[in-house]
Amino acid sequence: MKRFFIPILTFFGRRIERRRFTEAPIYIGGCGRSGTTLLLSILSAHPEIFACPRELNPFEGAARTSTGIETPKFYRLYRTFLTKKIKASASRYCEKSPANIRHVDLIDEFHQGHFRMIHIVRDGRDVILSKHPRKESGYWVDPKRWVEDVTCGLRYKEHPRVLTIKYEDLVMNFDTCIRQICEFLDLVLSDEILNWHKHATVRQNNALFATIQEINSNSVGKWKNTENKERVRKLTEDEEALDLLKKLNYIT
């Protein structure tokens, strides 16, 4: 059935893309539990952005071929254009999947440089404490994944179309951080984005099991709690992780 429907989705989805989205698409990536969903919700409030409400992983399985970049999952994006309401003022789309940070080169080639990527980083000691709501005693992210994902993303820190931000800056210095993001994206710092929680179109996401909450710093520094000592030790005893925490100035 997919073989029949994918070409149809692609044809009509591309038509919407050409007509509606004239500005560079925005991708959000980074290790899971680092604030990617929060950032998507914030950006969804901007009048010029259509934010895809679900993680689509459009570059999953993407590869270089003799004719260009093959993207077998990109139809998911076209399907979203066809099935979700796009606000009339939107001139670009924003897609959030943590794994996007592993596909920067392919995204760059696919869009011929016409894109923007925001890589969001969070203190690994807090990231690895995030409990999976469907796993009674399980954690969402293991230390190895945090090291691998963040290391991958930092390779593009100097890339002109990639902006690296910290979750802690987003929640503790919101005005300064969102101003930096809007400048990078060539967006007006609108009232809607400054008051994002009133205007966000993405209020739930498949990465969450609850409605998005207003910004607070309650989850910053949870690793300091005594009950988390053994879990945090698993990260800090890893030399690569420790070096990364120091490089990011989480440990000075």
C-alpha atoms as a PDB file:
ATOM      1  CA  MET A   1       0.000   0.000   0.000  1.00  0.00           C
ATOM      2  CA  LYS A   2       2.855   2.400   0.820  1.00  0.00           C
ATOM      3  CA  ARG A   3       4.254   1.991  -2.690  1.00  0.00           C
ATOM      4  CA  PHE A   4       0.947   3.294  -4.010  1.00  0.00           C
ATOM      5  CA  PHE A   5       0.368   6.149  -1.572  1.00  0.00           C
ATOM      6  CA  ILE A   6       3.895   7.527  -1.112  1.00  0.00           C
ATOM      7  CA  PRO A   7       4.166   8.939  -4.662  1.00  0.00           C
ATOM      8  CA  ILE A   8       0.770  10.611  -4.217  1.00  0.00           C
ATOM      9  CA  LEU A   9       1.754  12.086  -0.846  1.00  0.00           C
ATOM     10  CA  THR A  10       5.028  13.269  -2.322  1.00  0.00           C
ATOM     11  CA  PHE A  11       3.412  14.917  -5.339  1.00  0.00           C
ATOM     12  CA  PHE A  12       0.836  16.905  -3.388  1.00  0.00           C
ATOM     13  CA  GLY A  13       3.144  17.530  -0.426  1.00  0.00           C
ATOM     14  CA  ARG A  14       5.807  19.024  -2.658  1.00  0.00           C
ATOM     15  CA  ARG A  15       3.229  21.279  -4.219  1.00  0.00           C
ATOM     16  CA  ILE A  16       2.322  22.640  -0.779  1.00  0.00           C
ATOM     17  CA  GLU A  17       6.005  22.979   0.077  1.00  0.00           C
ATOM     18  CA  ARG A  18       6.709  25.043  -3.051  1.00  0.00           C
ATOM     19  CA  ARG A  19       3.670  27.272  -2.590  1.00  0.00           C
ATOM     20  CA  ARG A  20       3.733  27.815   1.170  1.00  0.00           C
ATOM     21  CA  PHE A  21       7.289  27.466   2.415  1.00  0.00           C
ATOM     22  CA  THR A  22       9.519  29.986   0.682  1.00  0.00           C
ATOM     23  CA  GLU A  23      12.048  30.398   3.494  1.00  0.00           C
ATOM     24  CA  ALA A  24      14.699  27.979   4.792  1.00  0.00           C
ATOM     25  CA  PRO A  25      13.296  25.021   6.742  1.00  0.00           C
ATOM     26  CA  ILE A  26      14.271  24.661  10.382  1.00  0.00           C
ATOM     27  CA  TYR A  27      15.385  21.424  11.991  1.00  0.00           C
ATOM     28  CA  ILE A  28      15.872  20.782  15.696  1.00  0.00           C
ATOM     29  CA  GLY A  29      18.168  18.021  16.928  1.00  0.00           C
ATOM     30  CA  GLY A  30      20.120  16.870  19.944  1.00  0.00           C
ATOM     31  CA  CYS A  31      20.220  14.083  22.463  1.00  0.00           C
ATOM     32  CA  GLY A  32      16.793  13.037  23.700  1.00  0.00           C
ATOM     33  CA  ARG A  33      15.572  14.666  26.938  1.00  0.00           C
ATOM     34  CA  SER A  34      17.606  17.797  26.208  1.00  0.00           C
ATOM     35  CA  GLY A  35      14.720  20.183  25.556  1.00  0.00           C
ATOM     36  CA  THR A  36      14.062  19.560  21.868  1.00  0.00           C
ATOM     37  CA  THR A  37      10.300  19.365  22.416  1.00  0.00           C
ATOM     38  CA  LEU A  38      10.242  22.521  24.515  1.00  0.00           C
ATOM     39  CA  LEU A  39      12.142  24.378  21.806  1.00  0.00           C
ATOM     40  CA  LEU A  40       9.732  23.124  19.137  1.00  0.00           C
ATOM     41  CA  SER A  41       6.767  24.342  21.173  1.00  0.00           C
ATOM     42  CA  ILE A  42       8.366  27.758  21.628  1.00  0.00           C
ATOM     43  CA  LEU A  43       9.100  28.145  17.922  1.00  0.00           C
ATOM     44  CA  SER A  44       5.592  26.971  17.029  1.00  0.00           C
ATOM     45  CA  ALA A  45       4.282  30.233  18.483  1.00  0.00           C
ATOM     46  CA  HIS A  46       6.012  32.347  15.836  1.00  0.00           C
ATOM     47  CA  PRO A  47       3.650  33.515  13.067  1.00  0.00           C
ATOM     48  CA  GLU A  48       6.131  32.592  10.334  1.00  0.00           C
ATOM     49  CA  ILE A  49       6.666  28.995  11.455  1.00  0.00           C
ATOM     50  CA  PHE A  50       4.605  25.885  10.892  1.00  0.00           C
ATOM     51  CA  ALA A  51       5.861  23.388  13.480  1.00  0.00           C
ATOM     52  CA  CYS A  52       5.352  19.711  12.723  1.00  0.00           C
ATOM     53  CA  PRO A  53       3.545  18.385  15.808  1.00  0.00           C
ATOM     54  CA  ARG A  54       5.151  14.928  15.746  1.00  0.00           C
ATOM     55  CA  GLU A  55       8.684  13.610  15.408  1.00  0.00           C
ATOM     56  CA  LEU A  56       8.978  12.494  11.797  1.00  0.00           C
ATOM     57  CA  ASN A  57      12.635  11.476  11.452  1.00  0.00           C
ATOM     58  CA  PRO A  58      12.494  12.461   7.764  1.00  0.00           C
ATOM     59  CA  PHE A  59      16.163  11.612   7.213  1.00  0.00           C
ATOM     60  CA  GLU A  60      15.967   8.147   8.728  1.00  0.00           C
ATOM     61  CA  GLY A  61      17.606   5.786   6.254  1.00  0.00           C
ATOM     62  CA  ALA A  62      18.769   8.654   4.021  1.00  0.00           C
ATOM     63  CA  ALA A  63      21.823   7.957   1.867  1.00  0.00           C
ATOM     64  CA  ARG A  64      23.870   9.424  -0.951  1.00  0.00           C
ATOM     65  CA  THR A  65      23.271   7.938  -4.383  1.00  0.00           C
ATOM     66  CA  SER A  66      24.552   8.671  -7.861  1.00  0.00           C
ATOM     67  CA  THR A  67      21.565  10.980  -8.404  1.00  0.00           C
ATOM     68  CA  GLY A  68      21.594  12.815  -5.068  1.00  0.00           C
ATOM     69  CA  ILE A  69      20.274  12.215  -1.553  1.00  0.00           C
ATOM     70  CA  GLU A  70      17.728   9.428  -1.277  1.00  0.00           C
ATOM     71  CA  THR A  71      15.243  10.048   1.565  1.00  0.00           C
ATOM     72  CA  PRO A  72      12.863   7.087   1.914  1.00  0.00           C
ATOM     73  CA  LYS A  73      11.112   8.594   4.954  1.00  0.00           C
ATOM     74  CA  PHE A  74      10.716  12.167   3.741  1.00  0.00           C
ATOM     75  CA  TYR A  75       7.142  11.437   2.692  1.00  0.00           C
ATOM     76  CA  ARG A  76       6.264  11.699   6.389  1.00  0.00           C
ATOM     77  CA  LEU A  77       6.862  15.425   6.116  1.00  0.00           C
ATOM     78  CA  TYR A  78       4.687  15.725   3.018  1.00  0.00           C
ATOM     79  CA  ARG A  79       1.955  13.754   4.765  1.00  0.00           C
ATOM     80  CA  THR A  80       2.072  16.263   7.612  1.00  0.00           C
ATOM     81  CA  PHE A  81       1.675  19.173   5.192  1.00  0.00           C
ATOM     82  CA  LEU A  82      -1.425  17.496   3.822  1.00  0.00           C
ATOM     83  CA  THR A  83      -3.066  16.460   7.085  1.00  0.00           C
ATOM     84  CA  LYS A  84      -2.272  19.280   9.512  1.00  0.00           C
ATOM     85  CA  LYS A  85      -3.483  22.862   9.500  1.00  0.00           C
ATOM     86  CA  ILE A  86      -0.834  25.309   8.329  1.00  0.00           C
ATOM     87  CA  LYS A  87      -1.349  28.863   9.547  1.00  0.00           C
ATOM     88  CA  ALA A  88      -1.701  31.380   6.737  1.00  0.00           C
ATOM     89  CA  SER A  89       1.269  33.460   7.906  1.00  0.00           C
ATOM     90  CA  ALA A  90       3.747  30.551   7.900  1.00  0.00           C
ATOM     91  CA  SER A  91       6.580  30.769   5.367  1.00  0.00           C
ATOM     92  CA  ARG A  92       8.773  27.962   6.683  1.00  0.00           C
ATOM     93  CA  TYR A  93       8.407  24.682   8.509  1.00  0.00           C
ATOM     94  CA  CYS A  94      10.157  23.355  11.594  1.00  0.00           C
ATOM     95  CA  GLU A  95      10.713  19.644  12.211  1.00  0.00           C
ATOM     96  CA  LYS A  96      12.016  18.261  15.481  1.00  0.00           C
ATOM     97  CA  SER A  97      13.594  14.839  15.804  1.00  0.00           C
ATOM     98  CA  PRO A  98      16.565  14.315  18.132  1.00  0.00           C
ATOM     99  CA  ALA A  99      18.284  12.155  15.486  1.00  0.00           C
ATOM    100  CA  ASN A 100      18.409  15.114  13.078  1.00  0.00           C
ATOM    101  CA  ILE A 101      21.729  16.019  14.653  1.00  0.00           C
ATOM    102  CA  ARG A 102      23.192  12.816  13.202  1.00  0.00           C
ATOM    103  CA  HIS A 103      22.226  13.806   9.654  1.00  0.00           C
ATOM    104  CA  VAL A 104      23.506  17.368   9.305  1.00  0.00           C
ATOM    105  CA  ASP A 105      25.666  16.643   6.257  1.00  0.00           C
ATOM    106  CA  LEU A 106      22.834  14.878   4.450  1.00  0.00           C
ATOM    107  CA  ILE A 107      20.358  17.624   5.369  1.00  0.00           C
ATOM    108  CA  ASP A 108      22.804  20.225   4.072  1.00  0.00           C
ATOM    109  CA  GLU A 109      23.235  18.416   0.763  1.00  0.00           C
ATOM    110  CA  PHE A 110      19.533  17.641   0.390  1.00  0.00           C
ATOM    111  CA  HIS A 111      18.548  21.293   0.840  1.00  0.00           C
ATOM    112  CA  GLN A 112      21.634  22.594  -0.979  1.00  0.00           C
ATOM    113  CA  GLY A 113      22.559  24.697   2.031  1.00  0.00           C
ATOM    114  CA  HIS A 114      19.108  26.257   2.331  1.00  0.00           C
ATOM    115  CA  PHE A 115      18.234  25.197   5.882  1.00  0.00           C
ATOM    116  CA  ARG A 116      18.824  25.994   9.551  1.00  0.00           C
ATOM    117  CA  MET A 117      19.569  23.540  12.354  1.00  0.00           C
ATOM    118  CA  ILE A 118      19.360  24.207  16.081  1.00  0.00           C
ATOM    119  CA  HIS A 119      21.346  21.789  18.209  1.00  0.00           C
ATOM    120  CA  ILE A 120      20.257  21.899  21.835  1.00  0.00           C
ATOM    121  CA  VAL A 121      22.581  20.565  24.535  1.00  0.00           C
ATOM    122  CA  ARG A 122      21.797  19.833  28.175  1.00  0.00           C
ATOM    123  CA  ASP A 123      23.942  18.809  31.150  1.00  0.00           C
ATOM    124  CA  GLY A 124      24.350  15.057  30.726  1.00  0.00           C
ATOM    125  CA  ARG A 125      24.019  14.500  34.447  1.00  0.00           C
ATOM    126  CA  ASP A 126      20.433  15.737  34.243  1.00  0.00           C
ATOM    127  CA  VAL A 127      19.707  14.089  30.888  1.00  0.00           C
ATOM    128  CA  ILE A 128      20.438  10.574  32.139  1.00  0.00           C
ATOM    129  CA  LEU A 129      18.085  11.044  35.103  1.00  0.00           C
ATOM    130  CA  SER A 130      15.006  11.430  32.925  1.00  0.00           C
ATOM    131  CA  LYS A 131      12.703   8.518  33.731  1.00  0.00           C
ATOM    132  CA  HIS A 132      10.765   6.863  30.946  1.00  0.00           C
ATOM    133  CA  PRO A 133       7.069   7.076  31.903  1.00  0.00           C
ATOM    134  CA  ARG A 134       6.383   3.606  30.527  1.00  0.00           C
ATOM    135  CA  LYS A 135       9.341   1.951  32.208  1.00  0.00           C
ATOM    136  CA  GLU A 136       8.850   1.717  35.934  1.00  0.00           C
ATOM    137  CA  SER A 137      12.550   1.494  36.729  1.00  0.00           C
ATOM    138  CA  GLY A 138      14.047   2.482  33.386  1.00  0.00           C
ATOM    139  CA  TYR A 139      15.733   5.655  32.215  1.00  0.00           C
ATOM    140  CA  TRP A 140      15.204   7.284  28.852  1.00  0.00           C
ATOM    141  CA  VAL A 141      18.834   7.985  27.904  1.00  0.00           C
ATOM    142  CA  ASP A 142      21.934   6.033  28.832  1.00  0.00           C
ATOM    143  CA  PRO A 143      25.316   7.762  29.334  1.00  0.00           C
ATOM    144  CA  LYS A 144      26.760   6.363  26.095  1.00  0.00           C
ATOM    145  CA  ARG A 145      23.974   7.865  24.005  1.00  0.00           C
ATOM    146  CA  TRP A 146      24.460  11.287  25.566  1.00  0.00           C
ATOM    147  CA  VAL A 147      28.170  11.219  24.778  1.00  0.00           C
ATOM    148  CA  GLU A 148      27.629  10.039  21.197  1.00  0.00           C
ATOM    149  CA  ASP A 149      24.818  12.452  20.333  1.00  0.00           C
ATOM    150  CA  VAL A 150      26.430  15.529  21.850  1.00  0.00           C
ATOM    151  CA  THR A 151      29.821  14.726  20.349  1.00  0.00           C
ATOM    152  CA  CYS A 152      28.190  14.319  16.957  1.00  0.00           C
ATOM    153  CA  GLY A 153      26.414  17.659  17.242  1.00  0.00           C
ATOM    154  CA  LEU A 154      29.463  19.580  18.413  1.00  0.00           C
ATOM    155  CA  ARG A 155      31.249  18.695  15.189  1.00  0.00           C
ATOM    156  CA  TYR A 156      29.022  21.314  13.594  1.00  0.00           C
ATOM    157  CA  LYS A 157      29.471  24.027  16.200  1.00  0.00           C
ATOM    158  CA  GLU A 158      31.174  26.300  13.668  1.00  0.00           C
ATOM    159  CA  HIS A 159      28.841  25.403  10.802  1.00  0.00           C
ATOM    160  CA  PRO A 160      27.245  28.638   9.529  1.00  0.00           C
ATOM    161  CA  ARG A 161      23.774  27.080   9.369  1.00  0.00           C
ATOM    162  CA  VAL A 162      23.908  25.297  12.735  1.00  0.00           C
ATOM    163  CA  LEU A 163      23.320  27.026  16.054  1.00  0.00           C
ATOM    164  CA  THR A 164      24.258  25.267  19.294  1.00  0.00           C
ATOM    165  CA  ILE A 165      22.384  26.392  22.402  1.00  0.00           C
ATOM    166  CA  LYS A 166      22.123  25.104  25.949  1.00  0.00           C
ATOM    167  CA  TYR A 167      18.878  23.997  27.554  1.00  0.00           C
ATOM    168  CA  GLU A 168      19.918  25.785  30.723  1.00  0.00           C
ATOM    169  CA  ASP A 169      20.198  29.105  28.842  1.00  0.00           C
ATOM    170  CA  LEU A 170      16.797  28.568  27.279  1.00  0.00           C
ATOM    171  CA  VAL A 171      15.033  28.101  30.624  1.00  0.00           C
ATOM    172  CA  MET A 172      17.098  30.435  32.793  1.00  0.00           C
ATOM    173  CA  ASN A 173      17.915  33.259  30.364  1.00  0.00           C
ATOM    174  CA  PHE A 174      14.965  32.979  28.009  1.00  0.00           C
ATOM    175  CA  ASP A 175      14.874  36.504  26.575  1.00  0.00           C
ATOM    176  CA  THR A 176      18.570  36.506  25.684  1.00  0.00           C
ATOM    177  CA  CYS A 177      18.492  32.974  24.282  1.00  0.00           C
ATOM    178  CA  ILE A 178      15.350  33.436  22.172  1.00  0.00           C
ATOM    179  CA  ARG A 179      16.751  36.677  20.786  1.00  0.00           C
ATOM    180  CA  GLN A 180      19.864  34.770  19.687  1.00  0.00           C
ATOM    181  CA  ILE A 181      17.708  32.068  18.084  1.00  0.00           C
ATOM    182  CA  CYS A 182      15.523  34.555  16.202  1.00  0.00           C
ATOM    183  CA  GLU A 183      18.575  36.395  14.934  1.00  0.00           C
ATOM    184  CA  PHE A 184      20.065  33.120  13.685  1.00  0.00           C
ATOM    185  CA  LEU A 185      16.796  32.205  11.964  1.00  0.00           C
ATOM    186  CA  ASP A 186      16.312  35.704  10.506  1.00  0.00           C
ATOM    187  CA  LEU A 187      13.033  36.054  12.374  1.00  0.00           C
ATOM    188  CA  VAL A 188      11.459  39.085  13.976  1.00  0.00           C
ATOM    189  CA  LEU A 189      11.391  38.745  17.751  1.00  0.00           C
ATOM    190  CA  SER A 190       7.589  38.745  17.850  1.00  0.00           C
ATOM    191  CA  ASP A 191       5.264  39.188  20.800  1.00  0.00           C
ATOM    192  CA  GLU A 192       3.927  35.720  20.073  1.00  0.00           C
ATOM    193  CA  ILE A 193       7.273  34.039  20.637  1.00  0.00           C
ATOM    194  CA  LEU A 194       8.069  36.152  23.692  1.00  0.00           C
ATOM    195  CA  ASN A 195       4.734  34.970  25.108  1.00  0.00           C
ATOM    196  CA  TRP A 196       5.030  31.577  23.498  1.00  0.00           C
ATOM    197  CA  HIS A 197       2.947  29.581  25.951  1.00  0.00           C
ATOM    198  CA  LYS A 198      -0.165  31.555  24.984  1.00  0.00           C
ATOM    199  CA  HIS A 199       0.407  31.107  21.252  1.00  0.00           C
ATOM    200  CA  ALA A 200       2.147  27.747  20.827  1.00  0.00           C
ATOM    201  CA  THR A 201       0.473  25.420  18.332  1.00  0.00           C
ATOM    202  CA  VAL A 202       2.465  22.414  19.569  1.00  0.00           C
ATOM    203  CA  ARG A 203       1.295  21.689  23.093  1.00  0.00           C
ATOM    204  CA  GLN A 204       1.700  17.922  23.028  1.00  0.00           C
ATOM    205  CA  ASN A 205       4.221  15.693  21.300  1.00  0.00           C
ATOM    206  CA  ASN A 206       4.932  11.986  21.024  1.00  0.00           C
ATOM    207  CA  ALA A 207       8.110  12.576  23.039  1.00  0.00           C
ATOM    208  CA  LEU A 208       5.965  13.689  25.972  1.00  0.00           C
ATOM    209  CA  PHE A 209       3.260  12.025  27.985  1.00  0.00           C
ATOM    210  CA  ALA A 210       1.773  15.287  29.211  1.00  0.00           C
ATOM    211  CA  THR A 211       0.929  18.763  27.942  1.00  0.00           C
ATOM    212  CA  ILE A 212       3.898  21.077  27.508  1.00  0.00           C
ATOM    213  CA  GLN A 213       4.544  23.193  30.586  1.00  0.00           C
ATOM    214  CA  GLU A 214       5.628  26.796  30.893  1.00  0.00           C
ATOM    215  CA  ILE A 215       9.344  27.374  31.280  1.00  0.00           C
ATOM    216  CA  ASN A 216      10.825  26.719  34.681  1.00  0.00           C
ATOM    217  CA  SER A 217      14.253  25.754  35.975  1.00  0.00           C
ATOM    218  CA  ASN A 218      13.049  22.952  38.271  1.00  0.00           C
ATOM    219  CA  SER A 219      14.782  20.308  36.187  1.00  0.00           C
ATOM    220  CA  VAL A 220      18.154  22.067  36.187  1.00  0.00           C
ATOM    221  CA  GLY A 221      20.632  20.549  38.621  1.00  0.00           C
ATOM    222  CA  LYS A 222      18.547  17.509  39.606  1.00  0.00           C
ATOM    223  CA  TRP A 223      21.782  15.527  39.510  1.00  0.00           C
ATOM    224  CA  LYS A 224      22.787  17.198  42.785  1.00  0.00           C
ATOM    225  CA  ASN A 225      20.106  15.312  44.728  1.00  0.00           C
ATOM    226  CA  THR A 226      21.562  12.578  46.909  1.00  0.00           C
ATOM    227  CA  GLU A 227      19.233   9.871  45.566  1.00  0.00           C
ATOM    228  CA  ASN A 228      20.728  10.364  42.090  1.00  0.00           C
ATOM    229  CA  LYS A 229      24.329   9.913  43.180  1.00  0.00           C
ATOM    230  CA  GLU A 230      24.887   6.389  41.838  1.00  0.00           C
ATOM    231  CA  ARG A 231      23.231   7.083  38.490  1.00  0.00           C
ATOM    232  CA  VAL A 232      25.293  10.245  37.968  1.00  0.00           C
ATOM    233  CA  ARG A 233      28.462   8.363  38.851  1.00  0.00           C
ATOM    234  CA  LYS A 234      27.913   6.109  35.838  1.00  0.00           C
ATOM    235  CA  LEU A 235      28.333   9.165  33.645  1.00  0.00           C
ATOM    236  CA  THR A 236      31.126  10.990  35.430  1.00  0.00           C
ATOM    237  CA  GLU A 237      33.290   7.876  35.706  1.00  0.00           C
ATOM    238  CA  ASP A 238      33.354   7.675  31.921  1.00  0.00           C
ATOM    239  CA  GLU A 239      36.399   9.613  30.661  1.00  0.00           C
ATOM    240  CA  GLU A 240      34.721  10.707  27.427  1.00  0.00           C
ATOM    241  CA  ALA A 241      31.677  11.946  29.296  1.00  0.00           C
ATOM    242  CA  LEU A 242      33.770  13.787  31.865  1.00  0.00           C
ATOM    243  CA  ASP A 243      35.811  15.479  29.138  1.00  0.00           C
ATOM    244  CA  LEU A 244      32.596  16.507  27.393  1.00  0.00           C
ATOM    245  CA  LEU A 245      31.087  17.946  30.578  1.00  0.00           C
ATOM    246  CA  LYS A 246      34.255  19.993  31.037  1.00  0.00           C
ATOM    247  CA  LYS A 247      34.309  21.096  27.394  1.00  0.00           C
ATOM    248  CA  LEU A 248      30.749  22.368  27.761  1.00  0.00           C
ATOM    249  CA  ASN A 249      31.615  24.093  31.054  1.00  0.00           C
ATOM    250  CA  TYR A 250      29.190  22.002  33.066  1.00  0.00           C
ATOM    251  CA  ILE A 251      32.204  21.064  35.174  1.00  0.00           C
ATOM    252  CA  THR A 252      34.863  23.716  35.672  1.00  0.00           C
END
